Amino acid sequence: MELITMTVQYKVKKKKLTKAKDALSEYVDAVKKNESGTIEYKVFQDDDDSSSFVHIMSFADKNAKKTHEKTEHLKKLKKILVPISKGKAVYTTLTEVKFVKSPEKSEETPKDMVPSHKPI
């Protein structure tokens, strides 16, 4: 499977947050009901800046991504969000990092080994 994972980040005008969230709720519901090739679709709102949103989406393959991009519900969402957004949306395509376990290393983590940072 050639899973395609992407993010899109954007900000909306604070006075239009309710309108944006209502449109997003309807949109995500439509994605889940109508797009079998969209494996995951989640929308997050920044805790520190409520006008900032991030979508994380995964598609089964290129065809599923193309199908998603041509849907009526995406066109409808863009007609609502573009006029109430601040600046342009930023799209990022992600590639999963696949780790290969080294045969000479132990499966156990030493007890004195502590993560150097908090998870994001």
C-alpha atoms as a PDB file:
ATOM      1  CA  MET A   1       0.000   0.000   0.000  1.00  0.00           C
ATOM      2  CA  GLU A   2       1.362   3.431  -0.926  1.00  0.00           C
ATOM      3  CA  LEU A   3      -0.241   5.380   1.910  1.00  0.00           C
ATOM      4  CA  ILE A   4      -0.180   9.160   1.371  1.00  0.00           C
ATOM      5  CA  THR A   5      -0.272  11.290   4.521  1.00  0.00           C
ATOM      6  CA  MET A   6      -0.666  15.048   4.416  1.00  0.00           C
ATOM      7  CA  THR A   7      -1.297  18.023   6.640  1.00  0.00           C
ATOM      8  CA  VAL A   8      -2.871  21.372   5.893  1.00  0.00           C
ATOM      9  CA  GLN A   9      -2.484  24.329   8.253  1.00  0.00           C
ATOM     10  CA  TYR A  10      -4.339  27.623   8.174  1.00  0.00           C
ATOM     11  CA  LYS A  11      -5.865  30.348  10.328  1.00  0.00           C
ATOM     12  CA  VAL A  12      -9.360  31.792  10.255  1.00  0.00           C
ATOM     13  CA  LYS A  13     -10.588  35.159  11.484  1.00  0.00           C
ATOM     14  CA  LYS A  14     -11.477  34.888  15.187  1.00  0.00           C
ATOM     15  CA  LYS A  15     -14.947  36.338  14.608  1.00  0.00           C
ATOM     16  CA  LYS A  16     -15.629  33.497  12.138  1.00  0.00           C
ATOM     17  CA  LEU A  17     -14.603  30.535  14.338  1.00  0.00           C
ATOM     18  CA  THR A  18     -18.157  29.229  14.780  1.00  0.00           C
ATOM     19  CA  LYS A  19     -18.794  29.370  11.041  1.00  0.00           C
ATOM     20  CA  ALA A  20     -15.507  27.548  10.365  1.00  0.00           C
ATOM     21  CA  LYS A  21     -16.121  24.837  12.958  1.00  0.00           C
ATOM     22  CA  ASP A  22     -19.679  24.229  11.726  1.00  0.00           C
ATOM     23  CA  ALA A  23     -18.409  23.862   8.139  1.00  0.00           C
ATOM     24  CA  LEU A  24     -15.578  21.568   9.261  1.00  0.00           C
ATOM     25  CA  SER A  25     -17.954  19.324  11.194  1.00  0.00           C
ATOM     26  CA  GLU A  26     -20.162  18.850   8.143  1.00  0.00           C
ATOM     27  CA  TYR A  27     -17.130  18.361   5.905  1.00  0.00           C
ATOM     28  CA  VAL A  28     -15.401  15.700   8.027  1.00  0.00           C
ATOM     29  CA  ASP A  29     -18.685  13.822   8.276  1.00  0.00           C
ATOM     30  CA  ALA A  30     -18.971  13.854   4.461  1.00  0.00           C
ATOM     31  CA  VAL A  31     -15.374  12.639   4.077  1.00  0.00           C
ATOM     32  CA  LYS A  32     -15.989   9.715   6.429  1.00  0.00           C
ATOM     33  CA  LYS A  33     -19.282   8.752   4.755  1.00  0.00           C
ATOM     34  CA  ASN A  34     -18.225   9.114   1.119  1.00  0.00           C
ATOM     35  CA  GLU A  35     -14.507   8.452   0.784  1.00  0.00           C
ATOM     36  CA  SER A  36     -13.556   4.830   1.327  1.00  0.00           C
ATOM     37  CA  GLY A  37     -10.004   5.577   0.142  1.00  0.00           C
ATOM     38  CA  THR A  38      -9.481   8.197   2.834  1.00  0.00           C
ATOM     39  CA  ILE A  39      -8.038   6.107   5.643  1.00  0.00           C
ATOM     40  CA  GLU A  40      -7.964   8.877   8.245  1.00  0.00           C
ATOM     41  CA  TYR A  41      -9.108  12.484   8.399  1.00  0.00           C
ATOM     42  CA  LYS A  42      -8.763  14.543  11.582  1.00  0.00           C
ATOM     43  CA  VAL A  43      -8.949  18.255  12.310  1.00  0.00           C
ATOM     44  CA  PHE A  44      -7.119  19.851  15.234  1.00  0.00           C
ATOM     45  CA  GLN A  45      -7.406  23.326  16.728  1.00  0.00           C
ATOM     46  CA  ASP A  46      -4.354  24.932  18.354  1.00  0.00           C
ATOM     47  CA  ASP A  47      -4.669  25.191  22.165  1.00  0.00           C
ATOM     48  CA  ASP A  48      -2.759  28.482  22.226  1.00  0.00           C
ATOM     49  CA  ASP A  49      -4.324  30.073  19.131  1.00  0.00           C
ATOM     50  CA  SER A  50      -7.947  29.046  18.569  1.00  0.00           C
ATOM     51  CA  SER A  51      -7.905  30.556  15.076  1.00  0.00           C
ATOM     52  CA  SER A  52      -5.264  28.054  13.926  1.00  0.00           C
ATOM     53  CA  PHE A  53      -6.281  24.661  12.499  1.00  0.00           C
ATOM     54  CA  VAL A  54      -4.368  21.596  11.305  1.00  0.00           C
ATOM     55  CA  HIS A  55      -5.860  18.769   9.259  1.00  0.00           C
ATOM     56  CA  ILE A  56      -4.113  15.393   9.173  1.00  0.00           C
ATOM     57  CA  MET A  57      -5.234  13.049   6.426  1.00  0.00           C
ATOM     58  CA  SER A  58      -4.140   9.701   5.027  1.00  0.00           C
ATOM     59  CA  PHE A  59      -5.168   8.296   1.675  1.00  0.00           C
ATOM     60  CA  ALA A  60      -4.870   4.682   0.536  1.00  0.00           C
ATOM     61  CA  ASP A  61      -3.126   5.752  -2.689  1.00  0.00           C
ATOM     62  CA  LYS A  62      -2.836   8.492  -5.337  1.00  0.00           C
ATOM     63  CA  ASN A  63      -6.262   7.688  -6.761  1.00  0.00           C
ATOM     64  CA  ALA A  64      -7.907   8.130  -3.356  1.00  0.00           C
ATOM     65  CA  LYS A  65      -6.150  11.487  -2.969  1.00  0.00           C
ATOM     66  CA  LYS A  66      -7.320  12.597  -6.429  1.00  0.00           C
ATOM     67  CA  THR A  67     -10.874  11.476  -5.650  1.00  0.00           C
ATOM     68  CA  HIS A  68     -10.776  13.483  -2.402  1.00  0.00           C
ATOM     69  CA  GLU A  69      -9.524  16.602  -4.194  1.00  0.00           C
ATOM     70  CA  LYS A  70     -12.466  16.491  -6.641  1.00  0.00           C
ATOM     71  CA  THR A  71     -15.290  16.022  -4.132  1.00  0.00           C
ATOM     72  CA  GLU A  72     -18.186  18.442  -3.881  1.00  0.00           C
ATOM     73  CA  HIS A  73     -17.806  18.615  -0.102  1.00  0.00           C
ATOM     74  CA  LEU A  74     -14.206  19.854  -0.454  1.00  0.00           C
ATOM     75  CA  LYS A  75     -15.283  22.481  -2.996  1.00  0.00           C
ATOM     76  CA  LYS A  76     -18.044  23.603  -0.613  1.00  0.00           C
ATOM     77  CA  LEU A  77     -15.615  23.795   2.334  1.00  0.00           C
ATOM     78  CA  LYS A  78     -13.148  25.903   0.348  1.00  0.00           C
ATOM     79  CA  LYS A  79     -15.925  28.333  -0.629  1.00  0.00           C
ATOM     80  CA  ILE A  80     -16.628  28.841   3.069  1.00  0.00           C
ATOM     81  CA  LEU A  81     -13.089  28.825   4.490  1.00  0.00           C
ATOM     82  CA  VAL A  82     -11.115  30.789   1.896  1.00  0.00           C
ATOM     83  CA  PRO A  83     -12.976  34.091   2.461  1.00  0.00           C
ATOM     84  CA  ILE A  84     -12.713  33.811   6.264  1.00  0.00           C
ATOM     85  CA  SER A  85      -9.080  32.656   6.366  1.00  0.00           C
ATOM     86  CA  LYS A  86      -6.047  34.743   7.219  1.00  0.00           C
ATOM     87  CA  GLY A  87      -3.331  34.091   4.646  1.00  0.00           C
ATOM     88  CA  LYS A  88      -2.898  30.963   2.561  1.00  0.00           C
ATOM     89  CA  ALA A  89      -3.153  27.377   3.715  1.00  0.00           C
ATOM     90  CA  VAL A  90       0.108  25.441   3.939  1.00  0.00           C
ATOM     91  CA  TYR A  91       0.034  21.880   2.585  1.00  0.00           C
ATOM     92  CA  THR A  92       2.680  19.323   3.568  1.00  0.00           C
ATOM     93  CA  THR A  93       3.082  15.760   2.324  1.00  0.00           C
ATOM     94  CA  LEU A  94       4.656  13.462   4.896  1.00  0.00           C
ATOM     95  CA  THR A  95       6.642  10.251   4.551  1.00  0.00           C
ATOM     96  CA  GLU A  96       6.632   7.834   7.457  1.00  0.00           C
ATOM     97  CA  VAL A  97      10.045   7.108   8.907  1.00  0.00           C
ATOM     98  CA  LYS A  98      10.510   3.351   9.010  1.00  0.00           C
ATOM     99  CA  PHE A  99      12.992   2.174  11.603  1.00  0.00           C
ATOM    100  CA  VAL A 100      14.945  -1.025  11.177  1.00  0.00           C
ATOM    101  CA  LYS A 101      15.842  -2.793  14.398  1.00  0.00           C
ATOM    102  CA  SER A 102      19.491  -3.554  14.725  1.00  0.00           C
ATOM    103  CA  PRO A 103      20.027  -7.247  15.551  1.00  0.00           C
ATOM    104  CA  GLU A 104      22.879  -6.556  17.978  1.00  0.00           C
ATOM    105  CA  LYS A 105      20.861  -4.165  20.155  1.00  0.00           C
ATOM    106  CA  SER A 106      18.767  -5.409  23.018  1.00  0.00           C
ATOM    107  CA  GLU A 107      14.973  -5.062  22.924  1.00  0.00           C
ATOM    108  CA  GLU A 108      15.029  -3.640  26.449  1.00  0.00           C
ATOM    109  CA  THR A 109      15.623   0.028  27.172  1.00  0.00           C
ATOM    110  CA  PRO A 110      18.089   0.677  29.983  1.00  0.00           C
ATOM    111  CA  LYS A 111      16.373   1.969  33.119  1.00  0.00           C
ATOM    112  CA  ASP A 112      18.612   5.037  33.279  1.00  0.00           C
ATOM    113  CA  MET A 113      17.688   6.046  29.721  1.00  0.00           C
ATOM    114  CA  VAL A 114      15.104   8.834  29.873  1.00  0.00           C
ATOM    115  CA  PRO A 115      13.543  10.586  26.871  1.00  0.00           C
ATOM    116  CA  SER A 116      15.263  13.885  26.130  1.00  0.00           C
ATOM    117  CA  HIS A 117      11.995  15.670  25.356  1.00  0.00           C
ATOM    118  CA  LYS A 118       8.279  15.460  25.851  1.00  0.00           C
ATOM    119  CA  PRO A 119       6.213  13.825  23.099  1.00  0.00           C
ATOM    120  CA  ILE A 120       4.573  16.223  20.698  1.00  0.00           C
END
